[in-house]
Amino acid sequence: MITKRQTSNSQPKNLRDLKNMIAAGVVVFNGQSERVIRIALEKPELIAFGTLQSIATECSVAPTTIVRVARLAGFANFADFKEMYRLHLRGIGSGTESPRPAPTL
């Protein structure tokens, strides 16, 4: 089951925005959708380079669940969701975005 706490027509610009939306409770993922978003956040390369079917297989869900997760997250379609992940990985590769904060000593 997927629920939405607030109506948000705003599409996250990057993965950080998406994580903030989840943390703020703007979107809530339950059941299979929660599994999908957890895997998507842990393995961004899966979304960026996978097909709808390969992602669904990896998450053990139907392809329609992947599409629903993308729409719930504020995207018009799966292709836009996938593009945000590709841009995220390009940012990491170019050094403009860090995948994790550097540890402090």
PDB file of N, CA and C in Angstrom:
ATOM      1  N   MET A   1       0.835  -1.184   0.000  1.00  0.00           N
ATOM      2  CA  MET A   1       0.000   0.000   0.000  1.00  0.00           C
ATOM      3  C   MET A   1       0.876   1.243   0.000  1.00  0.00           C
ATOM      4  N   ILE A   2       0.493   2.219  -0.759  1.00  0.00           N
ATOM      5  CA  ILE A   2       1.223   3.473  -0.845  1.00  0.00           C
ATOM      6  C   ILE A   2       0.323   4.567  -0.310  1.00  0.00           C
ATOM      7  N   THR A   3       0.872   5.397   0.541  1.00  0.00           N
ATOM      8  CA  THR A   3       0.101   6.536   1.027  1.00  0.00           C
ATOM      9  C   THR A   3       0.889   7.806   0.816  1.00  0.00           C
ATOM     10  N   LYS A   4       0.170   8.874   0.734  1.00  0.00           N
ATOM     11  CA  LYS A   4       0.782  10.179   0.567  1.00  0.00           C
ATOM     12  C   LYS A   4       0.235  11.074   1.661  1.00  0.00           C
ATOM     13  N   ARG A   5       1.113  11.615   2.481  1.00  0.00           N
ATOM     14  CA  ARG A   5       0.643  12.442   3.593  1.00  0.00           C
ATOM     15  C   ARG A   5       0.200  13.821   3.142  1.00  0.00           C
ATOM     16  N   GLN A   6       0.952  14.395   2.250  1.00  0.00           N
ATOM     17  CA  GLN A   6       0.601  15.717   1.746  1.00  0.00           C
ATOM     18  C   GLN A   6       0.595  15.638   0.230  1.00  0.00           C
ATOM     19  N   THR A   7      -0.209  16.460  -0.375  1.00  0.00           N
ATOM     20  CA  THR A   7      -0.186  16.511  -1.828  1.00  0.00           C
ATOM     21  C   THR A   7       1.016  17.334  -2.240  1.00  0.00           C
ATOM     22  N   SER A   8       1.887  16.702  -2.983  1.00  0.00           N
ATOM     23  CA  SER A   8       3.090  17.383  -3.432  1.00  0.00           C
ATOM     24  C   SER A   8       3.257  17.136  -4.918  1.00  0.00           C
ATOM     25  N   ASN A   9       3.111  18.176  -5.688  1.00  0.00           N
ATOM     26  CA  ASN A   9       3.297  18.053  -7.127  1.00  0.00           C
ATOM     27  C   ASN A   9       4.730  18.365  -7.510  1.00  0.00           C
ATOM     28  N   SER A  10       5.581  18.583  -6.510  1.00  0.00           N
ATOM     29  CA  SER A  10       6.940  18.956  -6.829  1.00  0.00           C
ATOM     30  C   SER A  10       7.803  17.720  -6.995  1.00  0.00           C
ATOM     31  N   GLN A  11       8.491  17.700  -8.090  1.00  0.00           N
ATOM     32  CA  GLN A  11       9.401  16.605  -8.417  1.00  0.00           C
ATOM     33  C   GLN A  11      10.745  16.901  -7.759  1.00  0.00           C
ATOM     34  N   PRO A  12      11.317  15.947  -7.030  1.00  0.00           N
ATOM     35  CA  PRO A  12      12.632  16.205  -6.440  1.00  0.00           C
ATOM     36  C   PRO A  12      13.670  16.445  -7.529  1.00  0.00           C
ATOM     37  N   LYS A  13      14.571  17.378  -7.272  1.00  0.00           N
ATOM     38  CA  LYS A  13      15.597  17.709  -8.261  1.00  0.00           C
ATOM     39  C   LYS A  13      16.757  16.724  -8.214  1.00  0.00           C
ATOM     40  N   ASN A  14      16.951  16.115  -7.045  1.00  0.00           N
ATOM     41  CA  ASN A  14      18.060  15.181  -6.881  1.00  0.00           C
ATOM     42  C   ASN A  14      17.725  14.184  -5.774  1.00  0.00           C
ATOM     43  N   LEU A  15      18.643  13.273  -5.560  1.00  0.00           N
ATOM     44  CA  LEU A  15      18.423  12.232  -4.567  1.00  0.00           C
ATOM     45  C   LEU A  15      18.311  12.814  -3.161  1.00  0.00           C
ATOM     46  N   ARG A  16      19.051  13.851  -2.893  1.00  0.00           N
ATOM     47  CA  ARG A  16      18.973  14.511  -1.577  1.00  0.00           C
ATOM     48  C   ARG A  16      17.568  15.053  -1.338  1.00  0.00           C
ATOM     49  N   ASP A  17      16.975  15.676  -2.351  1.00  0.00           N
ATOM     50  CA  ASP A  17      15.597  16.173  -2.228  1.00  0.00           C
ATOM     51  C   ASP A  17      14.625  15.028  -1.939  1.00  0.00           C
ATOM     52  N   LEU A  18      14.799  13.918  -2.634  1.00  0.00           N
ATOM     53  CA  LEU A  18      13.931  12.767  -2.425  1.00  0.00           C
ATOM     54  C   LEU A  18      14.062  12.246  -0.999  1.00  0.00           C
ATOM     55  N   LYS A  19      15.288  12.112  -0.521  1.00  0.00           N
ATOM     56  CA  LYS A  19      15.514  11.653   0.854  1.00  0.00           C
ATOM     57  C   LYS A  19      14.890  12.617   1.861  1.00  0.00           C
ATOM     58  N   ASN A  20      14.995  13.905   1.603  1.00  0.00           N
ATOM     59  CA  ASN A  20      14.395  14.901   2.500  1.00  0.00           C
ATOM     60  C   ASN A  20      12.874  14.795   2.507  1.00  0.00           C
ATOM     61  N   MET A  21      12.282  14.549   1.351  1.00  0.00           N
ATOM     62  CA  MET A  21      10.828  14.379   1.274  1.00  0.00           C
ATOM     63  C   MET A  21      10.383  13.174   2.101  1.00  0.00           C
ATOM     64  N   ILE A  22      11.149  12.103   2.021  1.00  0.00           N
ATOM     65  CA  ILE A  22      10.819  10.900   2.781  1.00  0.00           C
ATOM     66  C   ILE A  22      10.983  11.167   4.276  1.00  0.00           C
ATOM     67  N   ALA A  23      12.088  11.802   4.652  1.00  0.00           N
ATOM     68  CA  ALA A  23      12.349  12.098   6.060  1.00  0.00           C
ATOM     69  C   ALA A  23      11.296  13.027   6.652  1.00  0.00           C
ATOM     70  N   ALA A  24      10.814  13.959   5.847  1.00  0.00           N
ATOM     71  CA  ALA A  24       9.811  14.920   6.313  1.00  0.00           C
ATOM     72  C   ALA A  24       8.404  14.329   6.315  1.00  0.00           C
ATOM     73  N   GLY A  25       8.261  13.134   5.774  1.00  0.00           N
ATOM     74  CA  GLY A  25       6.942  12.505   5.739  1.00  0.00           C
ATOM     75  C   GLY A  25       6.041  13.038   4.643  1.00  0.00           C
ATOM     76  N   VAL A  26       6.618  13.714   3.658  1.00  0.00           N
ATOM     77  CA  VAL A  26       5.825  14.211   2.531  1.00  0.00           C
ATOM     78  C   VAL A  26       5.287  13.032   1.734  1.00  0.00           C
ATOM     79  N   VAL A  27       6.109  12.007   1.592  1.00  0.00           N
ATOM     80  CA  VAL A  27       5.670  10.754   0.977  1.00  0.00           C
ATOM     81  C   VAL A  27       5.998   9.620   1.939  1.00  0.00           C
ATOM     82  N   VAL A  28       5.120   8.644   1.966  1.00  0.00           N
ATOM     83  CA  VAL A  28       5.317   7.472   2.822  1.00  0.00           C
ATOM     84  C   VAL A  28       5.179   6.238   1.941  1.00  0.00           C
ATOM     85  N   PHE A  29       6.164   5.387   2.005  1.00  0.00           N
ATOM     86  CA  PHE A  29       6.157   4.155   1.241  1.00  0.00           C
ATOM     87  C   PHE A  29       5.893   3.002   2.202  1.00  0.00           C
ATOM     88  N   ASN A  30       4.962   2.131   1.848  1.00  0.00           N
ATOM     89  CA  ASN A  30       4.625   0.977   2.676  1.00  0.00           C
ATOM     90  C   ASN A  30       4.731  -0.299   1.869  1.00  0.00           C
ATOM     91  N   GLY A  31       4.958  -1.393   2.556  1.00  0.00           N
ATOM     92  CA  GLY A  31       4.952  -2.700   1.914  1.00  0.00           C
ATOM     93  C   GLY A  31       5.966  -2.824   0.808  1.00  0.00           C
ATOM     94  N   GLN A  32       5.508  -3.278  -0.341  1.00  0.00           N
ATOM     95  CA  GLN A  32       6.397  -3.483  -1.479  1.00  0.00           C
ATOM     96  C   GLN A  32       7.043  -2.184  -1.944  1.00  0.00           C
ATOM     97  N   SER A  33       6.319  -1.106  -1.849  1.00  0.00           N
ATOM     98  CA  SER A  33       6.867   0.181  -2.275  1.00  0.00           C
ATOM     99  C   SER A  33       8.018   0.612  -1.377  1.00  0.00           C
ATOM    100  N   GLU A  34       7.917   0.300  -0.096  1.00  0.00           N
ATOM    101  CA  GLU A  34       9.012   0.617   0.826  1.00  0.00           C
ATOM    102  C   GLU A  34      10.259  -0.184   0.448  1.00  0.00           C
ATOM    103  N   ARG A  35      10.076  -1.444   0.112  1.00  0.00           N
ATOM    104  CA  ARG A  35      11.203  -2.278  -0.316  1.00  0.00           C
ATOM    105  C   ARG A  35      11.869  -1.675  -1.549  1.00  0.00           C
ATOM    106  N   VAL A  36      11.057  -1.233  -2.503  1.00  0.00           N
ATOM    107  CA  VAL A  36      11.588  -0.646  -3.735  1.00  0.00           C
ATOM    108  C   VAL A  36      12.393   0.608  -3.435  1.00  0.00           C
ATOM    109  N   ILE A  37      11.855   1.509  -2.642  1.00  0.00           N
ATOM    110  CA  ILE A  37      12.560   2.778  -2.401  1.00  0.00           C
ATOM    111  C   ILE A  37      13.826   2.547  -1.587  1.00  0.00           C
ATOM    112  N   ARG A  38      13.799   1.597  -0.659  1.00  0.00           N
ATOM    113  CA  ARG A  38      15.022   1.280   0.104  1.00  0.00           C
ATOM    114  C   ARG A  38      16.123   0.777  -0.832  1.00  0.00           C
ATOM    115  N   ILE A  39      15.777  -0.131  -1.710  1.00  0.00           N
ATOM    116  CA  ILE A  39      16.764  -0.652  -2.656  1.00  0.00           C
ATOM    117  C   ILE A  39      17.229   0.452  -3.594  1.00  0.00           C
ATOM    118  N   ALA A  40      16.307   1.296  -4.039  1.00  0.00           N
ATOM    119  CA  ALA A  40      16.659   2.402  -4.945  1.00  0.00           C
ATOM    120  C   ALA A  40      17.637   3.377  -4.290  1.00  0.00           C
ATOM    121  N   LEU A  41      17.467   3.611  -2.997  1.00  0.00           N
ATOM    122  CA  LEU A  41      18.361   4.532  -2.297  1.00  0.00           C
ATOM    123  C   LEU A  41      19.703   3.876  -1.987  1.00  0.00           C
ATOM    124  N   GLU A  42      19.701   2.571  -1.758  1.00  0.00           N
ATOM    125  CA  GLU A  42      20.942   1.851  -1.471  1.00  0.00           C
ATOM    126  C   GLU A  42      21.752   1.556  -2.724  1.00  0.00           C
ATOM    127  N   LYS A  43      21.063   1.347  -3.842  1.00  0.00           N
ATOM    128  CA  LYS A  43      21.717   0.973  -5.097  1.00  0.00           C
ATOM    129  C   LYS A  43      21.251   1.889  -6.233  1.00  0.00           C
ATOM    130  N   PRO A  44      21.668   3.141  -6.225  1.00  0.00           N
ATOM    131  CA  PRO A  44      21.190   4.068  -7.263  1.00  0.00           C
ATOM    132  C   PRO A  44      21.537   3.607  -8.676  1.00  0.00           C
ATOM    133  N   GLU A  45      22.625   2.845  -8.820  1.00  0.00           N
ATOM    134  CA  GLU A  45      23.010   2.357 -10.153  1.00  0.00           C
ATOM    135  C   GLU A  45      21.977   1.393 -10.720  1.00  0.00           C
ATOM    136  N   LEU A  46      21.266   0.690  -9.855  1.00  0.00           N
ATOM    137  CA  LEU A  46      20.214  -0.221 -10.308  1.00  0.00           C
ATOM    138  C   LEU A  46      19.128   0.547 -11.054  1.00  0.00           C
ATOM    139  N   ILE A  47      18.713   1.675 -10.500  1.00  0.00           N
ATOM    140  CA  ILE A  47      17.670   2.487 -11.138  1.00  0.00           C
ATOM    141  C   ILE A  47      18.233   3.187 -12.370  1.00  0.00           C
ATOM    142  N   ALA A  48      19.422   3.753 -12.247  1.00  0.00           N
ATOM    143  CA  ALA A  48      20.011   4.524 -13.344  1.00  0.00           C
ATOM    144  C   ALA A  48      20.255   3.694 -14.602  1.00  0.00           C
ATOM    145  N   PHE A  49      20.674   2.446 -14.420  1.00  0.00           N
ATOM    146  CA  PHE A  49      21.084   1.644 -15.575  1.00  0.00           C
ATOM    147  C   PHE A  49      20.203   0.426 -15.838  1.00  0.00           C
ATOM    148  N   GLY A  50      19.290   0.127 -14.934  1.00  0.00           N
ATOM    149  CA  GLY A  50      18.433  -1.038 -15.109  1.00  0.00           C
ATOM    150  C   GLY A  50      17.223  -0.730 -15.974  1.00  0.00           C
ATOM    151  N   THR A  51      16.599  -1.803 -16.416  1.00  0.00           N
ATOM    152  CA  THR A  51      15.327  -1.669 -17.119  1.00  0.00           C
ATOM    153  C   THR A  51      14.213  -1.793 -16.094  1.00  0.00           C
ATOM    154  N   LEU A  52      13.037  -1.418 -16.469  1.00  0.00           N
ATOM    155  CA  LEU A  52      11.890  -1.547 -15.579  1.00  0.00           C
ATOM    156  C   LEU A  52      11.765  -2.994 -15.096  1.00  0.00           C
ATOM    157  N   GLN A  53      11.921  -3.934 -16.000  1.00  0.00           N
ATOM    158  CA  GLN A  53      11.804  -5.354 -15.641  1.00  0.00           C
ATOM    159  C   GLN A  53      12.943  -5.806 -14.730  1.00  0.00           C
ATOM    160  N   SER A  54      14.181  -5.397 -15.018  1.00  0.00           N
ATOM    161  CA  SER A  54      15.307  -5.842 -14.191  1.00  0.00           C
ATOM    162  C   SER A  54      15.223  -5.258 -12.779  1.00  0.00           C
ATOM    163  N   ILE A  55      14.747  -4.038 -12.670  1.00  0.00           N
ATOM    164  CA  ILE A  55      14.574  -3.415 -11.350  1.00  0.00           C
ATOM    165  C   ILE A  55      13.479  -4.142 -10.579  1.00  0.00           C
ATOM    166  N   ALA A  56      12.381  -4.426 -11.255  1.00  0.00           N
ATOM    167  CA  ALA A  56      11.277  -5.149 -10.617  1.00  0.00           C
ATOM    168  C   ALA A  56      11.736  -6.525 -10.137  1.00  0.00           C
ATOM    169  N   THR A  57      12.514  -7.202 -10.944  1.00  0.00           N
ATOM    170  CA  THR A  57      13.031  -8.519 -10.564  1.00  0.00           C
ATOM    171  C   THR A  57      13.931  -8.407  -9.339  1.00  0.00           C
ATOM    172  N   GLU A  58      14.832  -7.446  -9.342  1.00  0.00           N
ATOM    173  CA  GLU A  58      15.744  -7.239  -8.206  1.00  0.00           C
ATOM    174  C   GLU A  58      14.980  -6.935  -6.923  1.00  0.00           C
ATOM    175  N   CYS A  59      13.878  -6.208  -7.038  1.00  0.00           N
ATOM    176  CA  CYS A  59      13.078  -5.817  -5.871  1.00  0.00           C
ATOM    177  C   CYS A  59      11.983  -6.832  -5.534  1.00  0.00           C
ATOM    178  N   SER A  60      11.843  -7.847  -6.349  1.00  0.00           N
ATOM    179  CA  SER A  60      10.803  -8.886  -6.168  1.00  0.00           C
ATOM    180  C   SER A  60       9.395  -8.292  -6.155  1.00  0.00           C
ATOM    181  N   VAL A  61       9.149  -7.400  -7.114  1.00  0.00           N
ATOM    182  CA  VAL A  61       7.832  -6.778  -7.263  1.00  0.00           C
ATOM    183  C   VAL A  61       7.457  -6.749  -8.739  1.00  0.00           C
ATOM    184  N   ALA A  62       6.229  -6.379  -9.014  1.00  0.00           N
ATOM    185  CA  ALA A  62       5.781  -6.207 -10.392  1.00  0.00           C
ATOM    186  C   ALA A  62       6.301  -4.878 -10.950  1.00  0.00           C
ATOM    187  N   PRO A  63       6.532  -4.790 -12.250  1.00  0.00           N
ATOM    188  CA  PRO A  63       6.968  -3.528 -12.846  1.00  0.00           C
ATOM    189  C   PRO A  63       6.029  -2.355 -12.528  1.00  0.00           C
ATOM    190  N   THR A  64       4.738  -2.623 -12.401  1.00  0.00           N
ATOM    191  CA  THR A  64       3.812  -1.529 -12.079  1.00  0.00           C
ATOM    192  C   THR A  64       4.101  -0.915 -10.723  1.00  0.00           C
ATOM    193  N   THR A  65       4.647  -1.688  -9.798  1.00  0.00           N
ATOM    194  CA  THR A  65       5.008  -1.145  -8.485  1.00  0.00           C
ATOM    195  C   THR A  65       6.133  -0.132  -8.617  1.00  0.00           C
ATOM    196  N   ILE A  66       7.082  -0.397  -9.496  1.00  0.00           N
ATOM    197  CA  ILE A  66       8.182   0.540  -9.731  1.00  0.00           C
ATOM    198  C   ILE A  66       7.628   1.849 -10.287  1.00  0.00           C
ATOM    199  N   VAL A  67       6.709   1.750 -11.227  1.00  0.00           N
ATOM    200  CA  VAL A  67       6.094   2.947 -11.817  1.00  0.00           C
ATOM    201  C   VAL A  67       5.330   3.728 -10.746  1.00  0.00           C
ATOM    202  N   ARG A  68       4.601   3.024  -9.880  1.00  0.00           N
ATOM    203  CA  ARG A  68       3.862   3.697  -8.805  1.00  0.00           C
ATOM    204  C   ARG A  68       4.790   4.420  -7.845  1.00  0.00           C
ATOM    205  N   VAL A  69       5.916   3.806  -7.526  1.00  0.00           N
ATOM    206  CA  VAL A  69       6.886   4.445  -6.637  1.00  0.00           C
ATOM    207  C   VAL A  69       7.407   5.732  -7.279  1.00  0.00           C
ATOM    208  N   ALA A  70       7.716   5.686  -8.553  1.00  0.00           N
ATOM    209  CA  ALA A  70       8.198   6.878  -9.255  1.00  0.00           C
ATOM    210  C   ALA A  70       7.157   7.990  -9.224  1.00  0.00           C
ATOM    211  N   ARG A  71       5.908   7.652  -9.459  1.00  0.00           N
ATOM    212  CA  ARG A  71       4.842   8.663  -9.449  1.00  0.00           C
ATOM    213  C   ARG A  71       4.617   9.223  -8.048  1.00  0.00           C
ATOM    214  N   LEU A  72       4.631   8.351  -7.051  1.00  0.00           N
ATOM    215  CA  LEU A  72       4.458   8.807  -5.681  1.00  0.00           C
ATOM    216  C   LEU A  72       5.571   9.767  -5.282  1.00  0.00           C
ATOM    217  N   ALA A  73       6.769   9.497  -5.761  1.00  0.00           N
ATOM    218  CA  ALA A  73       7.909  10.352  -5.443  1.00  0.00           C
ATOM    219  C   ALA A  73       7.834  11.709  -6.148  1.00  0.00           C
ATOM    220  N   GLY A  74       6.846  11.893  -7.016  1.00  0.00           N
ATOM    221  CA  GLY A  74       6.653  13.195  -7.647  1.00  0.00           C
ATOM    222  C   GLY A  74       7.005  13.257  -9.120  1.00  0.00           C
ATOM    223  N   PHE A  75       7.314  12.118  -9.713  1.00  0.00           N
ATOM    224  CA  PHE A  75       7.700  12.093 -11.117  1.00  0.00           C
ATOM    225  C   PHE A  75       6.507  11.766 -11.997  1.00  0.00           C
ATOM    226  N   ALA A  76       6.504  12.323 -13.191  1.00  0.00           N
ATOM    227  CA  ALA A  76       5.407  12.079 -14.126  1.00  0.00           C
ATOM    228  C   ALA A  76       5.443  10.643 -14.635  1.00  0.00           C
ATOM    229  N   ASN A  77       6.646  10.081 -14.706  1.00  0.00           N
ATOM    230  CA  ASN A  77       6.782   8.723 -15.236  1.00  0.00           C
ATOM    231  C   ASN A  77       8.095   8.106 -14.765  1.00  0.00           C
ATOM    232  N   PHE A  78       8.280   6.851 -15.076  1.00  0.00           N
ATOM    233  CA  PHE A  78       9.481   6.129 -14.675  1.00  0.00           C
ATOM    234  C   PHE A  78      10.731   6.720 -15.328  1.00  0.00           C
ATOM    235  N   ALA A  79      10.631   7.146 -16.569  1.00  0.00           N
ATOM    236  CA  ALA A  79      11.792   7.698 -17.279  1.00  0.00           C
ATOM    237  C   ALA A  79      12.363   8.918 -16.553  1.00  0.00           C
ATOM    238  N   ASP A  80      11.502   9.777 -16.016  1.00  0.00           N
ATOM    239  CA  ASP A  80      11.976  10.951 -15.275  1.00  0.00           C
ATOM    240  C   ASP A  80      12.653  10.539 -13.970  1.00  0.00           C
ATOM    241  N   PHE A  81      12.094   9.533 -13.290  1.00  0.00           N
ATOM    242  CA  PHE A  81      12.680   8.982 -12.068  1.00  0.00           C
ATOM    243  C   PHE A  81      14.078   8.438 -12.363  1.00  0.00           C
ATOM    244  N   LYS A  82      14.186   7.669 -13.414  1.00  0.00           N
ATOM    245  CA  LYS A  82      15.445   7.072 -13.840  1.00  0.00           C
ATOM    246  C   LYS A  82      16.474   8.156 -14.177  1.00  0.00           C
ATOM    247  N   GLU A  83      16.042   9.206 -14.847  1.00  0.00           N
ATOM    248  CA  GLU A  83      16.946  10.293 -15.231  1.00  0.00           C
ATOM    249  C   GLU A  83      17.527  10.994 -14.009  1.00  0.00           C
ATOM    250  N   MET A  84      16.717  11.171 -12.948  1.00  0.00           N
ATOM    251  CA  MET A  84      17.250  11.788 -11.732  1.00  0.00           C
ATOM    252  C   MET A  84      18.385  10.936 -11.171  1.00  0.00           C
ATOM    253  N   TYR A  85      18.233   9.633 -11.197  1.00  0.00           N
ATOM    254  CA  TYR A  85      19.287   8.734 -10.713  1.00  0.00           C
ATOM    255  C   TYR A  85      20.523   8.807 -11.598  1.00  0.00           C
ATOM    256  N   ARG A  86      20.344   8.910 -12.899  1.00  0.00           N
ATOM    257  CA  ARG A  86      21.492   9.038 -13.800  1.00  0.00           C
ATOM    258  C   ARG A  86      22.250  10.331 -13.531  1.00  0.00           C
ATOM    259  N   LEU A  87      21.516  11.401 -13.352  1.00  0.00           N
ATOM    260  CA  LEU A  87      22.164  12.683 -13.046  1.00  0.00           C
ATOM    261  C   LEU A  87      22.897  12.614 -11.711  1.00  0.00           C
ATOM    262  N   HIS A  88      22.323  11.924 -10.745  1.00  0.00           N
ATOM    263  CA  HIS A  88      22.970  11.749  -9.441  1.00  0.00           C
ATOM    264  C   HIS A  88      24.322  11.049  -9.612  1.00  0.00           C
ATOM    265  N   LEU A  89      24.336   9.966 -10.371  1.00  0.00           N
ATOM    266  CA  LEU A  89      25.585   9.230 -10.561  1.00  0.00           C
ATOM    267  C   LEU A  89      26.592  10.026 -11.382  1.00  0.00           C
ATOM    268  N   ARG A  90      26.117  10.808 -12.337  1.00  0.00           N
ATOM    269  CA  ARG A  90      27.032  11.681 -13.089  1.00  0.00           C
ATOM    270  C   ARG A  90      27.670  12.701 -12.159  1.00  0.00           C
ATOM    271  N   GLY A  91      26.879  13.233 -11.222  1.00  0.00           N
ATOM    272  CA  GLY A  91      27.406  14.198 -10.261  1.00  0.00           C
ATOM    273  C   GLY A  91      28.484  13.594  -9.386  1.00  0.00           C
ATOM    274  N   ILE A  92      28.277  12.344  -8.976  1.00  0.00           N
ATOM    275  CA  ILE A  92      29.287  11.660  -8.172  1.00  0.00           C
ATOM    276  C   ILE A  92      30.545  11.451  -9.004  1.00  0.00           C
ATOM    277  N   GLY A  93      30.372  11.033 -10.246  1.00  0.00           N
ATOM    278  CA  GLY A  93      31.509  10.777 -11.125  1.00  0.00           C
ATOM    279  C   GLY A  93      32.308  12.019 -11.448  1.00  0.00           C
ATOM    280  N   SER A  94      31.629  13.155 -11.519  1.00  0.00           N
ATOM    281  CA  SER A  94      32.325  14.398 -11.842  1.00  0.00           C
ATOM    282  C   SER A  94      32.867  15.093 -10.604  1.00  0.00           C
ATOM    283  N   GLY A  95      32.527  14.544  -9.436  1.00  0.00           N
ATOM    284  CA  GLY A  95      33.018  15.128  -8.194  1.00  0.00           C
ATOM    285  C   GLY A  95      32.179  16.267  -7.669  1.00  0.00           C
ATOM    286  N   THR A  96      31.045  16.545  -8.299  1.00  0.00           N
ATOM    287  CA  THR A  96      30.207  17.656  -7.836  1.00  0.00           C
ATOM    288  C   THR A  96      29.270  17.240  -6.716  1.00  0.00           C
ATOM    289  N   GLU A  97      29.071  15.933  -6.555  1.00  0.00           N
ATOM    290  CA  GLU A  97      28.214  15.460  -5.482  1.00  0.00           C
ATOM    291  C   GLU A  97      28.882  14.273  -4.827  1.00  0.00           C
ATOM    292  N   SER A  98      28.928  14.288  -3.525  1.00  0.00           N
ATOM    293  CA  SER A  98      29.567  13.214  -2.787  1.00  0.00           C
ATOM    294  C   SER A  98      28.540  12.164  -2.424  1.00  0.00           C
ATOM    295  N   PRO A  99      28.848  10.872  -2.616  1.00  0.00           N
ATOM    296  CA  PRO A  99      27.886   9.848  -2.256  1.00  0.00           C
ATOM    297  C   PRO A  99      27.656   9.767  -0.756  1.00  0.00           C
ATOM    298  N   ARG A 100      28.671  10.078   0.034  1.00  0.00           N
ATOM    299  CA  ARG A 100      28.554  10.082   1.492  1.00  0.00           C
ATOM    300  C   ARG A 100      29.437  11.197   2.037  1.00  0.00           C
ATOM    301  N   PRO A 101      29.039  11.755   3.164  1.00  0.00           N
ATOM    302  CA  PRO A 101      29.909  12.770   3.752  1.00  0.00           C
ATOM    303  C   PRO A 101      31.224  12.131   4.180  1.00  0.00           C
ATOM    304  N   ALA A 102      32.297  12.889   4.071  1.00  0.00           N
ATOM    305  CA  ALA A 102      33.597  12.394   4.496  1.00  0.00           C
ATOM    306  C   ALA A 102      33.606  12.243   6.011  1.00  0.00           C
ATOM    307  N   PRO A 103      34.209  11.163   6.499  1.00  0.00           N
ATOM    308  CA  PRO A 103      34.253  10.984   7.955  1.00  0.00           C
ATOM    309  C   PRO A 103      35.115  12.044   8.607  1.00  0.00           C
ATOM    310  N   THR A 104      34.711  12.456   9.774  1.00  0.00           N
ATOM    311  CA  THR A 104      35.484  13.442  10.516  1.00  0.00           C
ATOM    312  C   THR A 104      36.400  12.708  11.488  1.00  0.00           C
ATOM    313  N   LEU A 105      37.593  13.191  11.611  1.00  0.00           N
ATOM    314  CA  LEU A 105      38.564  12.543  12.503  1.00  0.00           C
ATOM    315  C   LEU A 105      38.732  13.307  13.779  1.00  0.00           C
TER     316      LEU A 105
END
